[in-house]
Amino acid sequence: MSEPDRLTHFSASGRARMVDVSHKDETARQAIASGIIRMRPETRARIRAGTLDKGDVLAVAGVAAVMAAKHTSALIPMCHPLCLSGLEVEFSDIDPPDATGRVGIEAVVTARCAGQTGVEMEALTATSAALLTIYDMCKAIDRAMKIEHVQLEEKSGGKRGTWRRAAAAAP
């Protein structure tokens, strides 16, 4: 099995393990993840207008993303605790409506660190937490919201360098 295909979170005997990264060089690392939450147009309008009783939904979701990224290693068993150097969260509207008439809000999270292992899990966890927070704050008016397409878009740094979803999908 080639190096990129080897599952490093398993020992030679097949037992789960946290990978030893002590031999790796510390490098600048970045990961970008995204995801979408679909909802009724009226729900998004209320989020954008700030008329929900629970407050500024996107501001709270942004804080949830930061908190989740900082606690990723407590949630994902084989994740290393990282010292994040930065985390950015951006929200944008997704139009037109899908086949069910639902519009969306996309969350894009960029996580950065200087370390011996990547920040992909932190970016993905932060994205998920942001979308779950939007759901939590709006579920009283729209229980049929749907979270979809949480995925890694790009990662850079480390031995394998840069990977981009668009480039990976190309033939």
N, C-alpha and C. Protein backbone atom coordinates (compact mmCIF):
# COMPACT_ATOMS: atom_id res chain seq x y z
N MET A 1 0.86 -1.18 0.00
CA MET A 1 0.00 0.00 0.00
C MET A 1 0.90 1.24 0.00
N SER A 2 0.62 2.19 -0.90
CA SER A 2 1.44 3.39 -0.98
C SER A 2 1.19 4.29 0.22
N GLU A 3 2.14 5.15 0.51
CA GLU A 3 2.07 6.05 1.66
C GLU A 3 0.77 6.85 1.72
N PRO A 4 0.32 7.51 0.62
CA PRO A 4 -0.92 8.28 0.71
C PRO A 4 -2.15 7.42 0.97
N ASP A 5 -2.09 6.13 0.62
CA ASP A 5 -3.25 5.27 0.81
C ASP A 5 -3.28 4.59 2.18
N ARG A 6 -2.19 4.70 2.92
CA ARG A 6 -2.10 4.03 4.22
C ARG A 6 -2.93 4.78 5.25
N LEU A 7 -3.71 4.04 6.04
CA LEU A 7 -4.50 4.64 7.12
C LEU A 7 -3.62 4.72 8.35
N THR A 8 -3.14 5.91 8.66
CA THR A 8 -2.14 6.08 9.71
C THR A 8 -2.72 6.02 11.12
N HIS A 9 -4.03 6.06 11.26
CA HIS A 9 -4.63 6.00 12.58
C HIS A 9 -4.81 4.57 13.08
N PHE A 10 -4.22 3.62 12.37
CA PHE A 10 -4.25 2.22 12.80
C PHE A 10 -2.82 1.70 12.88
N SER A 11 -2.52 0.99 13.95
CA SER A 11 -1.19 0.40 14.12
C SER A 11 -1.05 -0.81 13.20
N ALA A 12 0.16 -1.37 13.14
CA ALA A 12 0.40 -2.55 12.30
C ALA A 12 -0.51 -3.71 12.71
N SER A 13 -0.91 -3.75 13.97
CA SER A 13 -1.79 -4.82 14.44
C SER A 13 -3.27 -4.49 14.27
N GLY A 14 -3.57 -3.30 13.69
CA GLY A 14 -4.95 -2.94 13.43
C GLY A 14 -5.65 -2.19 14.55
N ARG A 15 -4.94 -1.79 15.57
CA ARG A 15 -5.54 -1.06 16.69
C ARG A 15 -5.54 0.44 16.41
N ALA A 16 -6.58 1.11 16.84
CA ALA A 16 -6.67 2.56 16.68
C ALA A 16 -5.59 3.23 17.52
N ARG A 17 -5.04 4.34 16.97
CA ARG A 17 -4.00 5.06 17.69
C ARG A 17 -3.98 6.52 17.24
N MET A 18 -3.45 7.35 18.11
CA MET A 18 -3.16 8.72 17.71
C MET A 18 -1.78 8.70 17.07
N VAL A 19 -1.67 9.24 15.89
CA VAL A 19 -0.42 9.22 15.13
C VAL A 19 0.63 10.07 15.84
N ASP A 20 1.84 9.56 15.90
CA ASP A 20 2.97 10.31 16.47
C ASP A 20 3.49 11.27 15.41
N VAL A 21 3.36 12.56 15.67
CA VAL A 21 3.82 13.57 14.71
C VAL A 21 5.09 14.27 15.18
N SER A 22 5.72 13.75 16.22
CA SER A 22 6.89 14.42 16.80
C SER A 22 8.05 14.56 15.82
N HIS A 23 8.13 13.68 14.82
CA HIS A 23 9.22 13.74 13.84
C HIS A 23 8.94 14.74 12.71
N LYS A 24 7.72 15.25 12.62
CA LYS A 24 7.36 16.16 11.53
C LYS A 24 7.83 17.58 11.83
N ASP A 25 8.16 18.29 10.76
CA ASP A 25 8.52 19.70 10.90
C ASP A 25 7.26 20.52 11.13
N GLU A 26 7.43 21.58 11.88
CA GLU A 26 6.33 22.52 12.09
C GLU A 26 6.26 23.41 10.85
N THR A 27 5.10 23.47 10.21
CA THR A 27 4.90 24.31 9.04
C THR A 27 3.60 25.09 9.18
N ALA A 28 3.47 26.14 8.39
CA ALA A 28 2.21 26.89 8.33
C ALA A 28 1.19 26.01 7.63
N ARG A 29 0.02 25.89 8.23
CA ARG A 29 -1.03 25.03 7.69
C ARG A 29 -2.34 25.81 7.65
N GLN A 30 -3.14 25.47 6.63
CA GLN A 30 -4.44 26.12 6.48
C GLN A 30 -5.42 25.11 5.91
N ALA A 31 -6.66 25.21 6.34
CA ALA A 31 -7.73 24.39 5.77
C ALA A 31 -8.98 25.25 5.62
N ILE A 32 -9.69 25.02 4.53
CA ILE A 32 -10.95 25.72 4.27
C ILE A 32 -12.03 24.66 4.11
N ALA A 33 -13.12 24.82 4.86
CA ALA A 33 -14.26 23.91 4.77
C ALA A 33 -15.52 24.73 4.55
N SER A 34 -16.51 24.08 3.97
CA SER A 34 -17.78 24.77 3.72
C SER A 34 -18.95 23.83 3.98
N GLY A 35 -20.11 24.42 4.11
CA GLY A 35 -21.35 23.66 4.26
C GLY A 35 -22.52 24.60 4.07
N ILE A 36 -23.68 24.01 3.85
CA ILE A 36 -24.89 24.79 3.55
C ILE A 36 -26.01 24.35 4.47
N ILE A 37 -26.82 25.31 4.90
CA ILE A 37 -28.07 24.99 5.57
C ILE A 37 -29.19 25.55 4.71
N ARG A 38 -30.13 24.69 4.35
CA ARG A 38 -31.29 25.07 3.53
C ARG A 38 -32.46 25.37 4.45
N MET A 39 -33.26 26.36 4.06
CA MET A 39 -34.39 26.80 4.87
C MET A 39 -35.42 27.51 4.00
N ARG A 40 -36.58 27.78 4.62
CA ARG A 40 -37.59 28.56 3.90
C ARG A 40 -37.06 29.97 3.68
N PRO A 41 -37.45 30.60 2.58
CA PRO A 41 -37.00 31.98 2.34
C PRO A 41 -37.36 32.93 3.49
N GLU A 42 -38.51 32.69 4.12
CA GLU A 42 -38.93 33.56 5.24
C GLU A 42 -37.98 33.43 6.43
N THR A 43 -37.46 32.23 6.64
CA THR A 43 -36.52 32.02 7.75
C THR A 43 -35.25 32.81 7.50
N ARG A 44 -34.71 32.70 6.30
CA ARG A 44 -33.49 33.45 5.99
C ARG A 44 -33.73 34.95 6.08
N ALA A 45 -34.88 35.39 5.62
CA ALA A 45 -35.19 36.82 5.69
C ALA A 45 -35.18 37.31 7.15
N ARG A 46 -35.71 36.50 8.05
CA ARG A 46 -35.72 36.88 9.47
C ARG A 46 -34.31 36.85 10.05
N ILE A 47 -33.48 35.89 9.62
CA ILE A 47 -32.10 35.87 10.08
C ILE A 47 -31.40 37.15 9.65
N ARG A 48 -31.54 37.50 8.38
CA ARG A 48 -30.87 38.69 7.82
C ARG A 48 -31.41 39.98 8.42
N ALA A 49 -32.72 40.00 8.75
CA ALA A 49 -33.32 41.20 9.34
C ALA A 49 -33.04 41.30 10.84
N GLY A 50 -32.58 40.21 11.45
CA GLY A 50 -32.30 40.22 12.88
C GLY A 50 -33.55 40.24 13.74
N THR A 51 -34.64 39.63 13.24
CA THR A 51 -35.91 39.69 13.97
C THR A 51 -36.23 38.42 14.76
N LEU A 52 -35.25 37.58 15.00
CA LEU A 52 -35.49 36.39 15.82
C LEU A 52 -35.25 36.72 17.29
N ASP A 53 -36.09 36.18 18.15
CA ASP A 53 -36.00 36.48 19.58
C ASP A 53 -34.65 36.09 20.20
N LYS A 54 -33.98 35.11 19.63
CA LYS A 54 -32.72 34.62 20.21
C LYS A 54 -31.53 35.51 19.89
N GLY A 55 -31.71 36.50 19.03
CA GLY A 55 -30.62 37.43 18.76
C GLY A 55 -30.03 37.28 17.37
N ASP A 56 -28.80 37.75 17.20
CA ASP A 56 -28.10 37.77 15.91
C ASP A 56 -27.59 36.35 15.62
N VAL A 57 -28.34 35.64 14.82
CA VAL A 57 -28.07 34.22 14.55
C VAL A 57 -26.67 34.01 13.98
N LEU A 58 -26.28 34.79 13.00
CA LEU A 58 -24.99 34.57 12.36
C LEU A 58 -23.82 34.96 13.26
N ALA A 59 -24.00 35.95 14.10
CA ALA A 59 -22.94 36.30 15.06
C ALA A 59 -22.74 35.15 16.05
N VAL A 60 -23.82 34.60 16.55
CA VAL A 60 -23.72 33.48 17.49
C VAL A 60 -23.12 32.25 16.79
N ALA A 61 -23.54 32.00 15.55
CA ALA A 61 -23.00 30.86 14.80
C ALA A 61 -21.50 31.03 14.56
N GLY A 62 -21.06 32.25 14.33
CA GLY A 62 -19.63 32.50 14.16
C GLY A 62 -18.84 32.21 15.43
N VAL A 63 -19.39 32.60 16.57
CA VAL A 63 -18.74 32.30 17.85
C VAL A 63 -18.73 30.79 18.10
N ALA A 64 -19.82 30.12 17.76
CA ALA A 64 -19.89 28.66 17.91
C ALA A 64 -18.81 27.98 17.07
N ALA A 65 -18.57 28.49 15.88
CA ALA A 65 -17.53 27.93 15.01
C ALA A 65 -16.16 28.04 15.66
N VAL A 66 -15.86 29.19 16.23
CA VAL A 66 -14.57 29.39 16.89
C VAL A 66 -14.43 28.45 18.08
N MET A 67 -15.47 28.38 18.90
CA MET A 67 -15.43 27.50 20.07
C MET A 67 -15.26 26.04 19.66
N ALA A 68 -15.98 25.61 18.64
CA ALA A 68 -15.89 24.22 18.18
C ALA A 68 -14.49 23.91 17.67
N ALA A 69 -13.92 24.81 16.89
CA ALA A 69 -12.57 24.58 16.36
C ALA A 69 -11.58 24.40 17.50
N LYS A 70 -11.71 25.21 18.55
CA LYS A 70 -10.79 25.13 19.67
C LYS A 70 -10.94 23.83 20.46
N HIS A 71 -12.08 23.16 20.33
CA HIS A 71 -12.34 21.94 21.09
C HIS A 71 -12.40 20.69 20.22
N THR A 72 -11.93 20.77 19.01
CA THR A 72 -12.03 19.64 18.09
C THR A 72 -11.39 18.38 18.66
N SER A 73 -10.23 18.50 19.26
CA SER A 73 -9.54 17.31 19.76
C SER A 73 -10.31 16.63 20.90
N ALA A 74 -11.21 17.35 21.55
CA ALA A 74 -12.04 16.74 22.60
C ALA A 74 -13.23 15.99 22.00
N LEU A 75 -13.55 16.28 20.73
CA LEU A 75 -14.70 15.66 20.07
C LEU A 75 -14.31 14.52 19.14
N ILE A 76 -13.18 14.64 18.48
CA ILE A 76 -12.72 13.66 17.50
C ILE A 76 -11.57 12.89 18.14
N PRO A 77 -11.77 11.62 18.45
CA PRO A 77 -10.83 10.87 19.30
C PRO A 77 -9.37 10.90 18.90
N MET A 78 -9.02 10.80 17.65
CA MET A 78 -7.61 10.70 17.26
C MET A 78 -7.00 12.03 16.82
N CYS A 79 -7.75 13.12 17.02
CA CYS A 79 -7.27 14.46 16.65
C CYS A 79 -6.26 14.97 17.68
N HIS A 80 -5.21 15.61 17.18
CA HIS A 80 -4.23 16.24 18.06
C HIS A 80 -4.76 17.59 18.52
N PRO A 81 -4.52 17.97 19.76
CA PRO A 81 -4.84 19.35 20.17
C PRO A 81 -3.91 20.31 19.43
N LEU A 82 -4.48 21.33 18.85
CA LEU A 82 -3.68 22.30 18.09
C LEU A 82 -3.79 23.68 18.69
N CYS A 83 -2.75 24.46 18.48
CA CYS A 83 -2.77 25.86 18.85
C CYS A 83 -3.13 26.63 17.58
N LEU A 84 -4.40 26.97 17.45
CA LEU A 84 -4.85 27.69 16.26
C LEU A 84 -4.29 29.10 16.25
N SER A 85 -3.85 29.55 15.10
CA SER A 85 -3.35 30.92 14.98
C SER A 85 -4.41 31.85 14.40
N GLY A 86 -5.44 31.27 13.79
CA GLY A 86 -6.52 32.09 13.25
C GLY A 86 -7.68 31.25 12.78
N LEU A 87 -8.87 31.83 12.82
CA LEU A 87 -10.07 31.18 12.31
C LEU A 87 -11.01 32.27 11.80
N GLU A 88 -11.42 32.13 10.55
CA GLU A 88 -12.35 33.09 9.95
C GLU A 88 -13.61 32.34 9.53
N VAL A 89 -14.76 32.97 9.74
CA VAL A 89 -16.04 32.39 9.35
C VAL A 89 -16.76 33.40 8.49
N GLU A 90 -17.22 32.95 7.33
CA GLU A 90 -17.99 33.81 6.44
C GLU A 90 -19.30 33.13 6.10
N PHE A 91 -20.36 33.93 6.06
CA PHE A 91 -21.68 33.43 5.69
C PHE A 91 -22.14 34.15 4.44
N SER A 92 -22.72 33.40 3.51
CA SER A 92 -23.28 34.02 2.30
C SER A 92 -24.57 33.31 1.93
N ASP A 93 -25.43 34.06 1.25
CA ASP A 93 -26.71 33.50 0.82
C ASP A 93 -26.53 32.63 -0.41
N ILE A 94 -27.29 31.54 -0.46
CA ILE A 94 -27.31 30.63 -1.60
C ILE A 94 -28.67 30.78 -2.29
N ASP A 95 -28.64 31.22 -3.53
CA ASP A 95 -29.83 31.38 -4.35
C ASP A 95 -29.56 30.75 -5.69
N PRO A 96 -30.51 30.47 -6.51
CA PRO A 96 -31.95 30.49 -6.27
C PRO A 96 -32.37 29.32 -5.39
N PRO A 97 -33.67 29.25 -5.07
CA PRO A 97 -34.17 28.14 -4.25
C PRO A 97 -33.94 26.79 -4.93
N ASP A 98 -33.79 25.75 -4.11
CA ASP A 98 -33.64 24.39 -4.66
C ASP A 98 -35.01 23.87 -5.11
N ALA A 99 -35.08 22.61 -5.47
CA ALA A 99 -36.32 22.01 -5.98
C ALA A 99 -37.46 22.04 -4.96
N THR A 100 -37.12 22.13 -3.67
CA THR A 100 -38.15 22.17 -2.62
C THR A 100 -38.54 23.60 -2.25
N GLY A 101 -37.95 24.59 -2.93
CA GLY A 101 -38.27 25.98 -2.65
C GLY A 101 -37.44 26.58 -1.52
N ARG A 102 -36.43 25.86 -1.08
CA ARG A 102 -35.60 26.32 0.04
C ARG A 102 -34.35 27.04 -0.47
N VAL A 103 -34.05 28.14 0.19
CA VAL A 103 -32.84 28.89 -0.08
C VAL A 103 -31.79 28.43 0.94
N GLY A 104 -30.61 28.96 0.85
CA GLY A 104 -29.59 28.51 1.78
C GLY A 104 -28.71 29.61 2.31
N ILE A 105 -27.98 29.25 3.34
CA ILE A 105 -26.88 30.06 3.84
C ILE A 105 -25.67 29.14 3.84
N GLU A 106 -24.59 29.59 3.22
CA GLU A 106 -23.35 28.82 3.21
C GLU A 106 -22.41 29.37 4.26
N ALA A 107 -21.80 28.47 5.01
CA ALA A 107 -20.75 28.83 5.95
C ALA A 107 -19.42 28.37 5.35
N VAL A 108 -18.44 29.26 5.34
CA VAL A 108 -17.09 28.92 4.89
C VAL A 108 -16.15 29.28 6.02
N VAL A 109 -15.39 28.28 6.48
CA VAL A 109 -14.46 28.46 7.59
C VAL A 109 -13.04 28.24 7.11
N THR A 110 -12.16 29.16 7.46
CA THR A 110 -10.74 29.04 7.20
C THR A 110 -10.03 28.94 8.54
N ALA A 111 -9.31 27.83 8.74
CA ALA A 111 -8.56 27.61 9.98
C ALA A 111 -7.07 27.62 9.66
N ARG A 112 -6.27 28.20 10.56
CA ARG A 112 -4.83 28.28 10.36
C ARG A 112 -4.08 27.92 11.64
N CYS A 113 -2.91 27.33 11.44
CA CYS A 113 -2.00 27.09 12.56
C CYS A 113 -0.59 26.91 12.01
N ALA A 114 0.38 26.97 12.91
CA ALA A 114 1.74 26.55 12.60
C ALA A 114 1.93 25.30 13.44
N GLY A 115 2.07 24.17 12.80
CA GLY A 115 2.14 22.94 13.58
C GLY A 115 2.67 21.77 12.80
N GLN A 116 2.56 20.61 13.43
CA GLN A 116 3.08 19.37 12.86
C GLN A 116 1.99 18.52 12.22
N THR A 117 0.76 18.99 12.29
CA THR A 117 -0.35 18.27 11.66
C THR A 117 -1.38 19.29 11.19
N GLY A 118 -2.23 18.88 10.25
CA GLY A 118 -3.14 19.81 9.60
C GLY A 118 -4.33 20.24 10.43
N VAL A 119 -5.06 21.21 9.90
CA VAL A 119 -6.21 21.79 10.59
C VAL A 119 -7.53 21.48 9.87
N GLU A 120 -7.54 20.40 9.07
CA GLU A 120 -8.76 20.05 8.34
C GLU A 120 -9.93 19.76 9.28
N MET A 121 -9.66 18.99 10.33
CA MET A 121 -10.74 18.62 11.24
C MET A 121 -11.29 19.83 11.99
N GLU A 122 -10.43 20.77 12.30
CA GLU A 122 -10.88 21.99 12.97
C GLU A 122 -11.80 22.80 12.06
N ALA A 123 -11.43 22.91 10.79
CA ALA A 123 -12.27 23.66 9.83
C ALA A 123 -13.61 22.96 9.63
N LEU A 124 -13.59 21.64 9.50
CA LEU A 124 -14.84 20.88 9.31
C LEU A 124 -15.73 20.92 10.55
N THR A 125 -15.13 20.80 11.72
CA THR A 125 -15.90 20.85 12.97
C THR A 125 -16.50 22.23 13.16
N ALA A 126 -15.73 23.26 12.87
CA ALA A 126 -16.23 24.63 13.01
C ALA A 126 -17.39 24.89 12.06
N THR A 127 -17.27 24.41 10.83
CA THR A 127 -18.35 24.57 9.85
C THR A 127 -19.62 23.88 10.34
N SER A 128 -19.47 22.66 10.81
CA SER A 128 -20.62 21.91 11.31
C SER A 128 -21.28 22.62 12.48
N ALA A 129 -20.48 23.11 13.42
CA ALA A 129 -21.03 23.80 14.59
C ALA A 129 -21.75 25.09 14.19
N ALA A 130 -21.22 25.81 13.22
CA ALA A 130 -21.90 27.04 12.77
C ALA A 130 -23.26 26.71 12.20
N LEU A 131 -23.33 25.69 11.36
CA LEU A 131 -24.61 25.32 10.75
C LEU A 131 -25.58 24.75 11.78
N LEU A 132 -25.08 23.96 12.70
CA LEU A 132 -25.94 23.42 13.76
C LEU A 132 -26.49 24.54 14.65
N THR A 133 -25.69 25.56 14.87
CA THR A 133 -26.14 26.69 15.69
C THR A 133 -27.26 27.45 14.98
N ILE A 134 -27.12 27.64 13.67
CA ILE A 134 -28.21 28.28 12.91
C ILE A 134 -29.47 27.44 13.05
N TYR A 135 -29.35 26.13 12.90
CA TYR A 135 -30.51 25.25 13.06
C TYR A 135 -31.11 25.41 14.45
N ASP A 136 -30.28 25.36 15.47
CA ASP A 136 -30.78 25.46 16.84
C ASP A 136 -31.52 26.77 17.09
N MET A 137 -30.99 27.86 16.58
CA MET A 137 -31.59 29.16 16.84
C MET A 137 -32.86 29.40 16.02
N CYS A 138 -33.07 28.63 14.95
CA CYS A 138 -34.22 28.85 14.07
C CYS A 138 -35.22 27.71 14.05
N LYS A 139 -34.95 26.65 14.78
CA LYS A 139 -35.79 25.45 14.69
C LYS A 139 -37.23 25.72 15.11
N ALA A 140 -37.47 26.68 15.95
CA ALA A 140 -38.85 26.98 16.39
C ALA A 140 -39.71 27.47 15.23
N ILE A 141 -39.10 28.06 14.20
CA ILE A 141 -39.89 28.56 13.07
C ILE A 141 -39.71 27.74 11.80
N ASP A 142 -38.72 26.81 11.79
CA ASP A 142 -38.46 26.06 10.56
C ASP A 142 -37.73 24.75 10.89
N ARG A 143 -38.48 23.76 11.36
CA ARG A 143 -37.86 22.47 11.73
C ARG A 143 -37.37 21.67 10.52
N ALA A 144 -37.80 22.02 9.34
CA ALA A 144 -37.43 21.26 8.14
C ALA A 144 -36.12 21.74 7.51
N MET A 145 -35.39 22.60 8.21
CA MET A 145 -34.09 23.03 7.68
C MET A 145 -33.22 21.79 7.45
N LYS A 146 -32.31 21.88 6.49
CA LYS A 146 -31.46 20.74 6.14
C LYS A 146 -30.02 21.19 5.98
N ILE A 147 -29.13 20.51 6.68
CA ILE A 147 -27.69 20.78 6.57
C ILE A 147 -27.13 19.83 5.52
N GLU A 148 -26.34 20.38 4.61
CA GLU A 148 -25.81 19.55 3.53
C GLU A 148 -24.43 20.02 3.09
N HIS A 149 -23.73 19.10 2.45
CA HIS A 149 -22.46 19.39 1.77
C HIS A 149 -21.37 19.97 2.67
N VAL A 150 -21.26 19.47 3.91
CA VAL A 150 -20.13 19.87 4.74
C VAL A 150 -18.92 19.14 4.18
N GLN A 151 -17.92 19.91 3.74
CA GLN A 151 -16.79 19.29 3.05
C GLN A 151 -15.55 20.16 3.12
N LEU A 152 -14.41 19.50 2.96
CA LEU A 152 -13.15 20.20 2.86
C LEU A 152 -13.03 20.77 1.45
N GLU A 153 -12.68 22.03 1.36
CA GLU A 153 -12.51 22.68 0.06
C GLU A 153 -11.03 22.75 -0.33
N GLU A 154 -10.19 22.99 0.68
CA GLU A 154 -8.76 23.17 0.39
C GLU A 154 -7.96 22.96 1.66
N LYS A 155 -6.74 22.44 1.50
CA LYS A 155 -5.80 22.37 2.60
C LYS A 155 -4.42 22.66 2.06
N SER A 156 -3.59 23.30 2.88
CA SER A 156 -2.22 23.58 2.46
C SER A 156 -1.29 23.41 3.65
N GLY A 157 -0.02 23.20 3.31
CA GLY A 157 1.00 22.99 4.32
C GLY A 157 1.30 21.52 4.51
N GLY A 158 2.40 21.25 5.17
CA GLY A 158 2.78 19.87 5.44
C GLY A 158 3.46 19.21 4.26
N LYS A 159 3.77 17.94 4.42
CA LYS A 159 4.53 17.18 3.43
C LYS A 159 3.81 17.06 2.09
N ARG A 160 2.50 16.95 2.12
CA ARG A 160 1.75 16.73 0.87
C ARG A 160 1.36 18.04 0.19
N GLY A 161 1.64 19.18 0.79
CA GLY A 161 1.39 20.45 0.13
C GLY A 161 -0.07 20.83 0.05
N THR A 162 -0.45 21.38 -1.09
CA THR A 162 -1.80 21.93 -1.28
C THR A 162 -2.70 20.94 -2.00
N TRP A 163 -3.92 20.85 -1.51
CA TRP A 163 -4.99 20.05 -2.14
C TRP A 163 -6.21 20.96 -2.27
N ARG A 164 -6.84 20.93 -3.42
CA ARG A 164 -8.07 21.71 -3.66
C ARG A 164 -9.15 20.80 -4.21
N ARG A 165 -10.36 20.96 -3.71
CA ARG A 165 -11.49 20.14 -4.17
C ARG A 165 -11.67 20.27 -5.69
N ALA A 166 -11.66 21.47 -6.22
CA ALA A 166 -11.87 21.67 -7.66
C ALA A 166 -10.82 20.92 -8.47
N ALA A 167 -9.57 20.99 -8.04
CA ALA A 167 -8.49 20.31 -8.75
C ALA A 167 -8.61 18.79 -8.61
N ALA A 168 -9.08 18.32 -7.46
CA ALA A 168 -9.21 16.89 -7.23
C ALA A 168 -10.33 16.29 -8.07
N ALA A 169 -11.33 17.10 -8.40
CA ALA A 169 -12.47 16.61 -9.17
C ALA A 169 -12.18 16.58 -10.67
N ALA A 170 -11.17 17.32 -11.09
CA ALA A 170 -10.85 17.39 -12.53
C ALA A 170 -10.33 16.04 -13.03
N PRO A 171 -10.66 15.68 -14.29
CA PRO A 171 -10.19 14.39 -14.82
C PRO A 171 -8.69 14.38 -15.06
